[in-house]
N, C-alpha and C. Protein backbone atom coordinates (compact mmCIF):
# COMPACT_ATOMS: atom_id res chain seq x y z
N MET A 1 -11.54 -1.80 -34.18
CA MET A 1 -10.67 -1.15 -33.16
C MET A 1 -11.23 0.17 -32.71
N ASP A 2 -11.80 0.96 -33.41
CA ASP A 2 -12.22 2.34 -33.05
C ASP A 2 -13.31 2.22 -32.05
N SER A 3 -14.12 1.16 -32.04
CA SER A 3 -15.26 0.96 -31.01
C SER A 3 -14.72 0.53 -29.70
N GLU A 4 -13.49 0.13 -29.49
CA GLU A 4 -13.12 -0.29 -28.27
C GLU A 4 -12.75 0.71 -27.32
N GLN A 5 -13.04 0.51 -25.98
CA GLN A 5 -12.76 1.54 -25.02
C GLN A 5 -11.21 1.76 -24.79
N PRO A 6 -10.79 3.05 -24.89
CA PRO A 6 -9.35 3.23 -24.99
C PRO A 6 -8.57 2.89 -23.86
N VAL A 7 -9.20 2.78 -22.62
CA VAL A 7 -8.40 2.35 -21.39
C VAL A 7 -8.79 0.73 -21.11
N GLN A 8 -7.84 -0.01 -21.06
CA GLN A 8 -7.99 -1.34 -20.89
C GLN A 8 -7.14 -2.01 -19.79
N LEU A 9 -7.56 -2.54 -18.80
CA LEU A 9 -6.77 -3.26 -17.76
C LEU A 9 -7.01 -4.72 -17.64
N SER A 10 -6.01 -5.36 -17.54
CA SER A 10 -6.11 -6.94 -17.35
C SER A 10 -5.85 -7.47 -15.95
N THR A 11 -6.75 -8.23 -15.29
CA THR A 11 -6.57 -8.75 -13.99
C THR A 11 -5.67 -9.95 -14.24
N LEU A 12 -5.14 -10.39 -13.00
CA LEU A 12 -4.22 -11.59 -13.08
C LEU A 12 -4.97 -12.95 -13.58
N GLY A 13 -6.24 -12.89 -13.32
CA GLY A 13 -7.06 -14.14 -13.78
C GLY A 13 -7.26 -13.90 -15.40
N GLY A 14 -6.83 -12.91 -15.99
CA GLY A 14 -7.00 -12.71 -17.49
C GLY A 14 -8.32 -11.93 -18.05
N THR A 15 -9.00 -11.43 -17.02
CA THR A 15 -10.26 -10.73 -17.45
C THR A 15 -9.80 -9.36 -17.86
N TRP A 16 -10.25 -8.84 -19.06
CA TRP A 16 -10.11 -7.49 -19.49
C TRP A 16 -11.14 -6.54 -19.13
N LEU A 17 -10.69 -5.44 -18.40
CA LEU A 17 -11.68 -4.34 -18.01
C LEU A 17 -11.54 -3.18 -18.94
N ARG A 18 -12.63 -2.63 -19.34
CA ARG A 18 -12.62 -1.55 -20.34
C ARG A 18 -13.22 -0.32 -19.93
N TYR A 19 -12.70 0.83 -20.01
CA TYR A 19 -13.22 2.05 -19.49
C TYR A 19 -13.13 3.15 -20.71
N ALA A 20 -14.05 4.19 -20.60
CA ALA A 20 -13.93 5.21 -21.68
C ALA A 20 -12.77 6.18 -21.59
N ASP A 21 -12.32 6.29 -20.16
CA ASP A 21 -11.09 7.19 -19.96
C ASP A 21 -10.64 6.86 -18.63
N TRP A 22 -9.55 7.50 -18.22
CA TRP A 22 -8.95 7.37 -16.91
C TRP A 22 -9.69 7.76 -15.82
N ASN A 23 -10.44 9.00 -16.03
CA ASN A 23 -11.33 9.47 -14.91
C ASN A 23 -12.50 8.45 -14.69
N SER A 24 -12.78 7.66 -15.65
CA SER A 24 -13.91 6.71 -15.38
C SER A 24 -13.33 5.46 -14.53
N VAL A 25 -12.07 5.26 -14.73
CA VAL A 25 -11.48 4.16 -13.92
C VAL A 25 -11.36 4.64 -12.51
N GLN A 26 -10.99 5.84 -12.16
CA GLN A 26 -10.68 6.35 -10.79
C GLN A 26 -11.91 6.81 -10.13
N ALA A 27 -13.07 6.99 -10.81
CA ALA A 27 -14.32 7.51 -10.28
C ALA A 27 -14.79 6.71 -9.12
N GLY A 28 -15.26 7.46 -8.07
CA GLY A 28 -15.93 6.79 -6.98
C GLY A 28 -14.98 5.99 -6.10
N ALA A 29 -13.68 6.49 -6.03
CA ALA A 29 -12.77 5.65 -5.26
C ALA A 29 -13.20 5.77 -3.77
N THR A 30 -12.91 4.64 -3.15
CA THR A 30 -13.37 4.57 -1.56
C THR A 30 -11.97 5.09 -0.83
N ARG A 31 -12.26 6.02 0.11
CA ARG A 31 -11.23 6.63 0.85
C ARG A 31 -11.35 6.04 2.30
N TYR A 32 -10.13 5.69 2.76
CA TYR A 32 -10.03 5.04 4.10
C TYR A 32 -9.03 5.96 4.87
N ALA A 33 -9.42 6.32 6.11
CA ALA A 33 -8.43 7.04 7.07
C ALA A 33 -7.74 6.04 7.73
N LEU A 34 -6.40 6.43 7.88
CA LEU A 34 -5.42 5.51 8.61
C LEU A 34 -5.49 6.00 10.28
N THR A 35 -5.62 4.89 10.89
CA THR A 35 -5.61 5.11 12.44
C THR A 35 -4.32 4.65 13.03
N ARG A 36 -4.14 4.87 14.21
CA ARG A 36 -2.73 4.63 14.86
C ARG A 36 -2.61 3.12 15.02
N PRO A 37 -1.53 2.49 14.56
CA PRO A 37 -1.32 1.08 14.79
C PRO A 37 -1.07 0.79 16.31
N SER A 38 -1.71 -0.25 16.85
CA SER A 38 -1.70 -0.62 18.21
C SER A 38 -1.76 -2.10 18.37
N GLY A 39 -1.53 -2.61 19.55
CA GLY A 39 -1.61 -3.89 19.91
C GLY A 39 -0.32 -4.78 19.92
N LEU A 40 -0.36 -6.02 20.38
CA LEU A 40 0.94 -6.72 20.47
C LEU A 40 1.55 -6.94 19.13
N ILE A 41 0.74 -7.16 18.04
CA ILE A 41 1.10 -7.18 16.71
C ILE A 41 0.57 -5.94 16.03
N ALA A 42 1.26 -4.70 16.29
CA ALA A 42 0.80 -3.46 15.85
C ALA A 42 0.11 -3.32 14.65
N THR A 43 -1.16 -3.07 14.55
CA THR A 43 -1.93 -2.93 13.37
C THR A 43 -2.87 -1.75 13.47
N GLY A 44 -2.92 -0.77 12.52
CA GLY A 44 -3.82 0.19 12.55
C GLY A 44 -5.05 -0.15 11.61
N ALA A 45 -6.15 0.70 11.58
CA ALA A 45 -7.31 0.31 10.86
C ALA A 45 -7.37 1.35 9.61
N LEU A 46 -7.88 0.72 8.61
CA LEU A 46 -8.40 1.41 7.39
C LEU A 46 -9.84 1.88 7.60
N SER A 47 -10.12 2.99 8.10
CA SER A 47 -11.30 3.29 8.65
C SER A 47 -12.12 4.35 7.87
N SER A 48 -13.44 4.18 7.88
CA SER A 48 -14.37 5.06 7.10
C SER A 48 -14.42 6.57 7.94
N GLY A 49 -14.11 6.49 9.12
CA GLY A 49 -14.20 7.71 9.79
C GLY A 49 -12.96 8.41 9.87
N ALA A 50 -12.89 9.69 10.22
CA ALA A 50 -11.66 10.58 10.47
C ALA A 50 -10.81 10.06 11.58
N SER A 51 -9.54 10.22 11.42
CA SER A 51 -8.59 9.79 12.58
C SER A 51 -7.32 10.72 12.31
N ASN A 52 -7.12 11.52 13.46
CA ASN A 52 -5.83 12.37 13.24
C ASN A 52 -5.32 12.52 14.76
N GLY A 53 -4.10 13.14 14.77
CA GLY A 53 -3.43 13.48 16.13
C GLY A 53 -2.72 12.32 16.59
N TRP A 54 -2.38 11.30 15.93
CA TRP A 54 -1.54 10.09 16.36
C TRP A 54 -0.18 10.06 15.77
N SER A 55 0.66 9.35 16.16
CA SER A 55 2.00 9.15 15.60
C SER A 55 2.47 7.67 15.93
N HIS A 56 3.27 7.13 15.01
CA HIS A 56 3.57 5.65 15.15
C HIS A 56 5.07 5.60 14.48
N ARG A 57 5.97 4.97 15.19
CA ARG A 57 7.40 4.93 14.76
C ARG A 57 7.83 3.53 14.35
N ILE A 58 8.66 3.40 13.33
CA ILE A 58 9.19 2.25 12.88
C ILE A 58 10.66 2.34 12.71
N ALA A 59 11.46 1.27 12.75
CA ALA A 59 12.86 1.42 12.53
C ALA A 59 13.26 1.31 11.03
N THR A 60 14.26 1.87 10.63
CA THR A 60 14.56 1.99 9.13
C THR A 60 15.58 0.89 9.00
N GLY A 61 15.60 0.34 7.64
CA GLY A 61 16.67 -0.49 7.27
C GLY A 61 16.40 -1.98 7.82
N VAL A 62 15.24 -2.30 8.30
CA VAL A 62 14.82 -3.63 8.78
C VAL A 62 14.04 -4.37 7.74
N PRO A 63 14.49 -5.46 7.19
CA PRO A 63 13.92 -6.16 6.17
C PRO A 63 12.54 -6.82 6.84
N THR A 64 11.58 -6.89 5.96
CA THR A 64 10.25 -7.57 6.48
C THR A 64 9.83 -8.47 5.40
N LEU A 65 8.75 -9.14 5.56
CA LEU A 65 8.20 -10.03 4.62
C LEU A 65 7.26 -9.37 3.64
N ALA A 66 7.10 -8.12 3.76
CA ALA A 66 6.44 -7.29 2.82
C ALA A 66 7.48 -6.83 1.74
N ASP A 67 7.31 -7.11 0.57
CA ASP A 67 8.04 -6.60 -0.55
C ASP A 67 7.39 -6.98 -1.91
N SER A 68 7.93 -6.30 -2.95
CA SER A 68 7.25 -6.50 -4.23
C SER A 68 7.84 -7.75 -5.07
N GLY A 69 8.68 -8.57 -4.47
CA GLY A 69 9.12 -9.75 -5.05
C GLY A 69 10.34 -9.54 -5.76
N VAL A 70 11.21 -10.50 -5.89
CA VAL A 70 12.37 -10.44 -6.78
C VAL A 70 12.00 -10.12 -8.27
N LEU A 71 12.58 -9.25 -8.83
CA LEU A 71 12.03 -8.76 -10.33
C LEU A 71 11.79 -9.81 -11.21
N LEU A 72 12.69 -10.74 -11.53
CA LEU A 72 12.56 -11.78 -12.65
C LEU A 72 11.52 -12.90 -12.14
N VAL A 73 11.63 -13.23 -10.83
CA VAL A 73 10.67 -14.25 -10.35
C VAL A 73 9.22 -13.81 -10.32
N SER A 74 9.03 -12.51 -9.74
CA SER A 74 7.77 -12.15 -9.54
C SER A 74 7.16 -11.73 -10.90
N GLY A 75 7.97 -11.25 -11.66
CA GLY A 75 7.43 -10.95 -13.08
C GLY A 75 6.93 -12.13 -13.85
N LEU A 76 7.71 -13.29 -13.64
CA LEU A 76 7.49 -14.55 -14.36
C LEU A 76 6.13 -15.11 -13.65
N LEU A 77 6.09 -15.03 -12.26
CA LEU A 77 4.75 -15.58 -11.76
C LEU A 77 3.60 -14.80 -11.93
N GLN A 78 3.78 -13.44 -12.08
CA GLN A 78 2.62 -12.64 -12.45
C GLN A 78 2.10 -12.90 -13.89
N GLY A 79 3.18 -13.11 -14.88
CA GLY A 79 2.84 -13.50 -16.16
C GLY A 79 2.06 -14.77 -16.35
N LEU A 80 2.25 -15.63 -15.34
CA LEU A 80 1.57 -16.97 -15.25
C LEU A 80 0.25 -16.85 -14.45
N GLY A 81 -0.03 -15.66 -14.00
CA GLY A 81 -1.23 -15.47 -13.31
C GLY A 81 -1.09 -15.85 -11.81
N GLN A 82 0.18 -15.85 -11.31
CA GLN A 82 0.41 -16.12 -9.90
C GLN A 82 0.87 -15.01 -9.22
N PRO A 83 0.19 -14.36 -8.18
CA PRO A 83 0.54 -13.16 -7.58
C PRO A 83 1.67 -13.34 -6.56
N VAL A 84 2.27 -12.37 -6.19
CA VAL A 84 3.22 -12.32 -5.04
C VAL A 84 2.39 -12.22 -3.72
N THR A 85 2.79 -13.21 -2.82
CA THR A 85 2.17 -13.35 -1.55
C THR A 85 2.98 -13.17 -0.44
N THR A 86 2.23 -13.01 0.80
CA THR A 86 3.02 -12.90 1.97
C THR A 86 2.19 -13.25 3.10
N SER A 87 2.61 -13.42 4.38
CA SER A 87 1.79 -13.52 5.48
C SER A 87 1.83 -12.29 6.44
N ILE A 88 0.67 -11.51 6.49
CA ILE A 88 0.60 -10.33 7.10
C ILE A 88 0.83 -10.47 8.62
N PRO A 89 0.42 -11.51 9.33
CA PRO A 89 0.82 -11.59 10.66
C PRO A 89 2.35 -11.70 11.06
N LEU A 90 3.14 -12.08 9.98
CA LEU A 90 4.48 -12.47 10.27
C LEU A 90 5.29 -11.27 9.75
N VAL A 91 4.66 -10.24 9.19
CA VAL A 91 5.41 -8.94 8.79
C VAL A 91 6.06 -8.29 10.09
N ASP A 92 7.30 -8.16 10.19
CA ASP A 92 7.84 -7.52 11.37
C ASP A 92 7.45 -6.12 11.67
N ARG A 93 6.71 -5.89 12.60
CA ARG A 93 6.29 -4.48 13.02
C ARG A 93 7.24 -3.50 13.40
N ASN A 94 8.54 -4.14 13.78
CA ASN A 94 9.58 -3.26 14.10
C ASN A 94 10.08 -2.39 12.78
N GLY A 95 9.91 -3.02 11.72
CA GLY A 95 10.27 -2.39 10.46
C GLY A 95 9.23 -2.16 9.58
N ALA A 96 7.98 -2.21 9.94
CA ALA A 96 6.88 -1.90 8.94
C ALA A 96 5.63 -1.38 9.71
N ALA A 97 4.86 -0.52 9.17
CA ALA A 97 3.73 0.02 9.69
C ALA A 97 2.55 -0.72 8.86
N VAL A 98 1.46 -1.22 9.58
CA VAL A 98 0.50 -2.07 8.92
C VAL A 98 -0.85 -1.55 9.38
N TRP A 99 -1.75 -1.44 8.31
CA TRP A 99 -3.17 -1.00 8.51
C TRP A 99 -4.10 -2.07 7.70
N SER A 100 -4.98 -2.48 8.29
CA SER A 100 -5.94 -3.48 7.88
C SER A 100 -7.47 -2.95 7.84
N GLY A 101 -8.14 -3.10 6.66
CA GLY A 101 -9.46 -2.77 6.42
C GLY A 101 -10.53 -3.68 6.96
N PRO A 102 -11.83 -3.37 6.82
CA PRO A 102 -12.89 -4.20 7.37
C PRO A 102 -13.03 -5.44 6.42
N VAL A 103 -13.56 -6.41 6.74
CA VAL A 103 -13.91 -7.70 6.08
C VAL A 103 -14.89 -7.18 4.89
N LEU A 104 -14.69 -7.53 3.78
CA LEU A 104 -15.52 -7.21 2.55
C LEU A 104 -16.67 -8.05 2.67
N SER A 105 -17.91 -7.53 2.62
CA SER A 105 -19.15 -8.35 2.67
C SER A 105 -19.50 -8.93 1.32
N SER A 106 -18.96 -8.31 0.32
CA SER A 106 -19.22 -8.69 -1.10
C SER A 106 -17.99 -8.54 -1.88
N ALA A 107 -17.84 -9.32 -2.94
CA ALA A 107 -16.71 -9.26 -3.89
C ALA A 107 -16.47 -7.83 -4.36
N LYS A 108 -15.27 -7.35 -4.52
CA LYS A 108 -15.04 -6.08 -5.16
C LYS A 108 -14.09 -6.35 -6.30
N ARG A 109 -14.08 -5.14 -7.07
CA ARG A 109 -13.03 -5.20 -8.23
C ARG A 109 -12.14 -3.98 -8.01
N LEU A 110 -10.87 -4.08 -7.94
CA LEU A 110 -10.02 -3.04 -7.88
C LEU A 110 -9.43 -2.78 -9.33
N ALA A 111 -9.77 -1.54 -9.82
CA ALA A 111 -9.33 -1.22 -11.10
C ALA A 111 -8.88 0.33 -11.03
N GLY A 112 -7.62 0.53 -11.35
CA GLY A 112 -7.07 1.88 -11.30
C GLY A 112 -5.79 2.08 -10.41
N SER A 113 -5.50 3.30 -10.08
CA SER A 113 -4.30 3.50 -9.23
C SER A 113 -4.76 4.04 -7.73
N PRO A 114 -4.39 3.13 -6.83
CA PRO A 114 -4.62 3.49 -5.33
C PRO A 114 -3.78 4.64 -5.10
N SER A 115 -4.02 5.39 -3.98
CA SER A 115 -3.10 6.65 -3.65
C SER A 115 -3.08 6.74 -2.19
N LEU A 116 -1.90 7.02 -1.70
CA LEU A 116 -1.73 7.19 -0.22
C LEU A 116 -1.33 8.56 0.06
N ARG A 117 -1.85 9.06 1.13
CA ARG A 117 -1.34 10.28 1.79
C ARG A 117 -1.03 10.03 3.12
N VAL A 118 0.32 10.44 3.48
CA VAL A 118 0.77 10.20 4.90
C VAL A 118 1.83 11.16 5.22
N THR A 119 1.97 11.54 6.52
CA THR A 119 2.90 12.54 6.95
C THR A 119 4.00 11.68 7.68
N VAL A 120 5.34 11.81 7.28
CA VAL A 120 6.37 11.14 7.80
C VAL A 120 7.46 12.02 8.38
N THR A 121 8.01 11.62 9.46
CA THR A 121 9.12 12.33 10.02
C THR A 121 10.45 11.48 10.23
N PRO A 122 11.40 11.52 9.37
CA PRO A 122 12.48 10.70 9.41
C PRO A 122 13.56 11.22 10.52
N SER A 123 14.40 10.31 11.07
CA SER A 123 15.46 10.76 11.95
C SER A 123 16.74 10.90 11.14
N GLN A 124 16.73 10.59 9.78
CA GLN A 124 17.85 10.70 8.98
C GLN A 124 17.51 11.45 7.75
N ALA A 125 18.57 12.04 7.04
CA ALA A 125 18.32 12.88 5.93
C ALA A 125 17.79 12.30 4.85
N ASN A 126 18.12 11.00 4.55
CA ASN A 126 17.66 10.22 3.45
C ASN A 126 16.97 8.87 3.87
N VAL A 127 15.76 8.66 3.24
CA VAL A 127 15.02 7.23 3.62
C VAL A 127 14.27 7.02 2.56
N SER A 128 14.03 5.74 2.24
CA SER A 128 13.18 5.21 1.27
C SER A 128 11.95 4.62 1.99
N LEU A 129 10.87 4.66 1.30
CA LEU A 129 9.68 4.11 1.87
C LEU A 129 9.02 3.29 0.71
N PHE A 130 8.32 2.18 1.06
CA PHE A 130 7.79 1.19 0.13
C PHE A 130 6.37 0.90 0.69
N ALA A 131 5.41 1.23 -0.19
CA ALA A 131 4.10 1.21 0.12
C ALA A 131 3.44 -0.09 -0.59
N TYR A 132 2.77 -0.99 0.12
CA TYR A 132 2.17 -2.27 -0.50
C TYR A 132 0.79 -2.31 -0.21
N LEU A 133 -0.12 -2.51 -1.19
CA LEU A 133 -1.59 -2.84 -0.90
C LEU A 133 -1.94 -4.26 -1.24
N TYR A 134 -2.38 -4.93 -0.23
CA TYR A 134 -2.63 -6.33 -0.26
C TYR A 134 -4.15 -6.68 -0.20
N SER A 135 -4.53 -7.83 -0.72
CA SER A 135 -5.87 -8.53 -0.44
C SER A 135 -5.59 -9.73 0.49
N MET A 136 -6.00 -9.67 1.77
CA MET A 136 -5.72 -10.67 2.81
C MET A 136 -6.81 -11.53 3.00
N ASN A 137 -6.67 -12.94 3.12
CA ASN A 137 -7.78 -13.80 3.39
C ASN A 137 -7.79 -13.99 4.98
N GLY A 138 -8.67 -14.71 5.38
CA GLY A 138 -9.05 -15.06 6.88
C GLY A 138 -7.86 -15.63 7.57
N LEU A 139 -6.92 -16.35 6.78
CA LEU A 139 -5.81 -16.94 7.44
C LEU A 139 -4.54 -16.09 7.52
N GLY A 140 -4.76 -14.82 6.96
CA GLY A 140 -3.58 -13.84 7.00
C GLY A 140 -2.76 -13.87 5.90
N VAL A 141 -2.90 -14.79 4.91
CA VAL A 141 -2.30 -14.77 3.58
C VAL A 141 -2.68 -13.76 2.77
N ALA A 142 -1.81 -13.03 2.21
CA ALA A 142 -2.23 -11.73 1.43
C ALA A 142 -1.42 -11.70 0.08
N GLN A 143 -2.32 -11.33 -0.84
CA GLN A 143 -1.85 -11.20 -2.27
C GLN A 143 -1.59 -9.82 -2.61
N LEU A 144 -0.37 -9.55 -3.11
CA LEU A 144 0.01 -8.15 -3.54
C LEU A 144 -0.74 -7.72 -4.61
N LEU A 145 -1.49 -6.47 -4.39
CA LEU A 145 -2.32 -5.91 -5.45
C LEU A 145 -1.56 -4.80 -6.29
N SER A 146 -0.79 -3.96 -5.51
CA SER A 146 -0.07 -2.92 -6.01
C SER A 146 0.98 -2.52 -5.08
N HIS A 147 2.00 -1.54 -5.60
CA HIS A 147 2.90 -1.05 -4.69
C HIS A 147 3.58 0.13 -5.25
N ALA A 148 4.40 0.80 -4.56
CA ALA A 148 5.14 2.00 -5.06
C ALA A 148 6.25 2.33 -4.17
N PRO A 149 7.34 2.81 -4.58
CA PRO A 149 8.50 3.22 -3.89
C PRO A 149 8.47 4.83 -3.67
N TYR A 150 9.07 5.41 -2.64
CA TYR A 150 9.22 6.86 -2.43
C TYR A 150 10.48 7.04 -1.65
N SER A 151 11.20 8.03 -2.12
CA SER A 151 12.46 8.37 -1.41
C SER A 151 12.54 9.88 -0.95
N LEU A 152 12.81 10.04 0.33
CA LEU A 152 13.04 11.36 0.85
C LEU A 152 14.48 11.57 0.82
N ARG A 153 15.01 12.56 0.21
CA ARG A 153 16.43 12.79 0.03
C ARG A 153 16.75 14.34 0.52
N ASN A 154 17.79 14.46 1.34
CA ASN A 154 18.22 15.70 1.92
C ASN A 154 17.14 16.31 2.76
N ALA A 155 16.32 15.54 3.39
CA ALA A 155 15.29 15.97 4.27
C ALA A 155 15.89 16.45 5.59
N THR A 156 15.14 17.26 6.31
CA THR A 156 15.68 17.64 7.62
C THR A 156 15.33 16.75 8.73
N PRO A 157 16.17 16.01 9.40
CA PRO A 157 15.80 15.14 10.43
C PRO A 157 14.85 15.80 11.45
N GLY A 158 13.88 15.11 11.77
CA GLY A 158 12.90 15.57 12.84
C GLY A 158 11.86 16.45 12.23
N VAL A 159 11.78 16.74 11.00
CA VAL A 159 10.76 17.69 10.33
C VAL A 159 9.86 16.89 9.75
N ALA A 160 8.48 16.96 9.92
CA ALA A 160 7.49 16.29 9.32
C ALA A 160 7.25 16.73 7.79
N THR A 161 7.05 15.70 6.95
CA THR A 161 6.78 16.01 5.48
C THR A 161 5.55 15.09 5.16
N THR A 162 4.51 15.81 4.58
CA THR A 162 3.36 15.06 3.98
C THR A 162 3.58 14.72 2.55
N ILE A 163 3.59 13.44 2.34
CA ILE A 163 3.66 12.94 1.01
C ILE A 163 2.39 12.34 0.36
N ASP A 164 2.17 12.55 -0.98
CA ASP A 164 1.20 11.99 -1.72
C ASP A 164 1.78 11.00 -2.63
N LEU A 165 1.45 9.74 -2.56
CA LEU A 165 2.10 8.65 -3.23
C LEU A 165 1.09 7.83 -4.03
N PRO A 166 1.08 8.02 -5.47
CA PRO A 166 0.25 7.08 -6.20
C PRO A 166 0.85 5.80 -6.41
N LEU A 167 0.04 4.73 -6.15
CA LEU A 167 0.60 3.27 -6.35
C LEU A 167 0.32 2.94 -7.73
N GLN A 168 0.94 1.83 -8.14
CA GLN A 168 0.95 1.44 -9.50
C GLN A 168 -0.53 1.01 -9.92
N ALA A 169 -0.94 1.45 -11.14
CA ALA A 169 -2.24 1.03 -11.61
C ALA A 169 -2.34 -0.36 -11.76
N THR A 170 -3.41 -0.89 -11.31
CA THR A 170 -3.72 -2.36 -11.33
C THR A 170 -5.14 -2.67 -11.55
N ALA A 171 -5.35 -4.02 -11.74
CA ALA A 171 -6.71 -4.56 -11.76
C ALA A 171 -6.74 -5.88 -11.11
N ALA A 172 -7.70 -6.12 -10.28
CA ALA A 172 -7.73 -7.38 -9.50
C ALA A 172 -9.10 -7.56 -8.98
N GLU A 173 -9.47 -8.81 -8.80
CA GLU A 173 -10.69 -9.30 -8.25
C GLU A 173 -10.54 -9.64 -6.78
N ILE A 174 -11.24 -9.12 -5.82
CA ILE A 174 -10.91 -9.16 -4.45
C ILE A 174 -12.23 -9.91 -3.83
N PRO A 175 -11.98 -11.23 -3.38
CA PRO A 175 -13.16 -12.03 -2.93
C PRO A 175 -13.96 -11.42 -1.65
N ALA A 176 -15.20 -11.77 -1.63
CA ALA A 176 -15.84 -11.50 -0.33
C ALA A 176 -15.06 -12.12 0.87
N GLY A 177 -15.13 -11.54 2.02
CA GLY A 177 -14.37 -12.19 3.18
C GLY A 177 -13.03 -11.72 3.23
N ASN A 178 -12.33 -11.07 2.33
CA ASN A 178 -11.02 -10.57 2.32
C ASN A 178 -10.96 -9.21 2.96
N ARG A 179 -9.75 -8.76 3.23
CA ARG A 179 -9.63 -7.49 3.76
C ARG A 179 -8.53 -6.70 2.83
N LEU A 180 -8.60 -5.43 2.70
CA LEU A 180 -7.43 -4.83 2.15
C LEU A 180 -6.53 -4.37 3.31
N VAL A 181 -5.23 -4.58 2.94
CA VAL A 181 -4.23 -4.39 4.01
C VAL A 181 -3.13 -3.49 3.28
N LEU A 182 -2.74 -2.37 3.94
CA LEU A 182 -1.72 -1.36 3.52
C LEU A 182 -0.48 -1.75 4.47
N VAL A 183 0.65 -1.91 3.80
CA VAL A 183 2.02 -1.94 4.57
C VAL A 183 2.91 -1.06 4.05
N VAL A 184 3.57 -0.25 4.98
CA VAL A 184 4.68 0.67 4.47
C VAL A 184 6.06 0.26 5.40
N ASP A 185 7.05 -0.05 4.57
CA ASP A 185 8.27 -0.27 5.18
C ASP A 185 9.51 0.48 4.55
N THR A 186 10.75 0.08 4.82
CA THR A 186 11.88 1.05 4.29
C THR A 186 12.85 0.17 3.44
N THR A 187 12.56 -1.03 3.07
CA THR A 187 13.51 -1.85 2.35
C THR A 187 12.62 -2.67 1.33
N ASP A 188 13.27 -2.93 0.18
CA ASP A 188 12.76 -3.81 -0.78
C ASP A 188 13.76 -4.24 -1.81
N PRO A 189 13.87 -5.69 -1.90
CA PRO A 189 14.88 -6.18 -2.67
C PRO A 189 15.01 -5.88 -4.14
N ARG A 190 13.77 -5.38 -4.71
CA ARG A 190 13.85 -4.99 -6.04
C ARG A 190 14.42 -3.64 -6.33
N TYR A 191 14.52 -2.85 -5.24
CA TYR A 191 14.96 -1.36 -5.38
C TYR A 191 16.16 -1.23 -4.62
N SER A 192 16.89 0.04 -5.07
CA SER A 192 18.05 0.45 -4.27
C SER A 192 17.38 1.39 -3.22
N SER A 193 17.70 1.12 -1.94
CA SER A 193 17.06 2.01 -0.85
C SER A 193 18.03 3.03 -0.22
N ALA A 194 17.54 4.11 0.03
CA ALA A 194 18.24 5.26 0.76
C ALA A 194 18.36 4.98 2.28
N SER A 195 17.38 4.00 2.76
CA SER A 195 17.27 3.76 4.17
C SER A 195 18.59 3.14 4.76
N ARG A 196 18.90 3.55 5.84
CA ARG A 196 20.11 3.13 6.46
C ARG A 196 19.70 2.35 7.98
N PHE A 197 20.13 1.17 8.23
CA PHE A 197 19.87 0.60 9.57
C PHE A 197 20.36 1.59 10.70
N GLY A 198 19.43 1.66 11.73
CA GLY A 198 19.76 2.45 12.90
C GLY A 198 19.02 3.64 13.06
N GLY A 199 18.27 3.96 12.12
CA GLY A 199 17.25 5.14 11.98
C GLY A 199 15.84 4.81 12.34
N SER A 200 15.02 5.92 12.27
CA SER A 200 13.62 5.57 12.36
C SER A 200 12.81 6.58 11.59
N VAL A 201 11.54 6.13 11.27
CA VAL A 201 10.67 7.10 10.57
C VAL A 201 9.33 7.11 11.37
N SER A 202 8.67 8.14 11.64
CA SER A 202 7.51 8.25 12.35
C SER A 202 6.38 8.55 11.31
N PHE A 203 5.22 7.87 11.43
CA PHE A 203 4.05 8.22 10.56
C PHE A 203 3.06 8.91 11.51
N SER A 204 2.35 10.00 10.97
CA SER A 204 1.41 10.71 11.70
C SER A 204 0.29 11.21 10.78
N SER A 205 -0.74 11.73 11.60
CA SER A 205 -1.93 12.19 10.85
C SER A 205 -2.46 13.38 11.32
N PRO A 206 -1.81 14.59 10.96
CA PRO A 206 -2.18 15.81 11.43
C PRO A 206 -3.51 16.28 10.93
N ALA A 207 -4.22 17.03 11.77
CA ALA A 207 -5.55 17.62 11.38
C ALA A 207 -5.57 18.24 10.05
N ALA A 208 -4.46 18.93 9.64
CA ALA A 208 -4.39 19.73 8.49
C ALA A 208 -4.17 18.84 7.32
N ALA A 209 -3.69 17.68 7.46
CA ALA A 209 -3.48 16.75 6.34
C ALA A 209 -3.56 15.33 6.92
N PRO A 210 -4.88 14.89 7.18
CA PRO A 210 -5.09 13.55 7.54
C PRO A 210 -4.58 12.45 6.82
N SER A 211 -3.90 11.36 7.27
CA SER A 211 -3.35 10.45 6.41
C SER A 211 -4.54 9.50 5.98
N SER A 212 -4.47 9.07 4.70
CA SER A 212 -5.60 8.32 4.14
C SER A 212 -5.01 7.47 2.93
N LEU A 213 -5.85 6.46 2.61
CA LEU A 213 -5.62 5.58 1.41
C LEU A 213 -6.98 5.72 0.62
N SER A 214 -6.71 5.95 -0.73
CA SER A 214 -7.89 6.13 -1.70
C SER A 214 -7.73 4.78 -2.62
N VAL A 215 -8.76 4.01 -2.73
CA VAL A 215 -8.70 2.67 -3.48
C VAL A 215 -9.98 2.77 -4.59
N PRO A 216 -9.58 2.66 -5.88
CA PRO A 216 -10.66 2.59 -6.79
C PRO A 216 -11.38 1.25 -6.82
N LEU A 217 -12.39 1.00 -5.99
CA LEU A 217 -13.08 -0.12 -5.89
C LEU A 217 -14.41 -0.06 -6.71
N HIS A 218 -14.72 -1.08 -7.35
CA HIS A 218 -15.95 -1.14 -8.27
C HIS A 218 -16.72 -2.38 -7.93
C-alpha cells in the first residue's frame, strides 16, 4: 500500500489513474479563452488566443437540456459506467451560454479539476449559475465530464462580478474527433436555484480579467 501513488482517480470506463500529488494532476492544464457567442444557434469558441471586450446575455430561470442529471438516476448510471448525456445543438440559447472548443486531433485524458473564470452582471440580486463541461461528438451528442454550481446572493443588480469557479474533479477519456463544450445556465434539477424567471445575466470578458476555462488534459 505504501508504494501506491496517493492520488487516484477512476474514469467511467474503470481505468485507475495514479499521481504522486494533486499538483501533478493539475500540471500543464490547457487554458482556453472564451469568445463572444454568436450565430443563429449562439455559440462562442474555446480559443487558444486572447478574447476580451465582449458581452453576451441570457435569461434567468429558463430550463435547458444542460443539467447534471437527476441525483439518484445519474448516480446510478455513472456507477454503471453510463455518463449523463445531452444534445448540445438543442440546448436553449435563450437560457444558456455555450462555448465549443476545436476538434481534438488525438485522444486526450481529462484528469483533475477544470476551472472557469468569467465575469457576470446579473439583473437581480440573487442568481444561481451552473457550469457544465462536456465532451461532444460530431453529431452534437455530449457526455457530461464535470460540473459545478455557483450562487450570487445579495449582489448589486447591474454591477459586474468576476467569479473563479472550480468544477468537480474528474477523470475521463476523450476520443479523437470530439470537442470540449462549456455550457453555463441558471437552473438545474439537482440543486435549489436562486434564479428567478424574468431576469437576465450577462457574461463578459474585460481586459483586466479575461474569461477563460482551464482544463487539465493529459
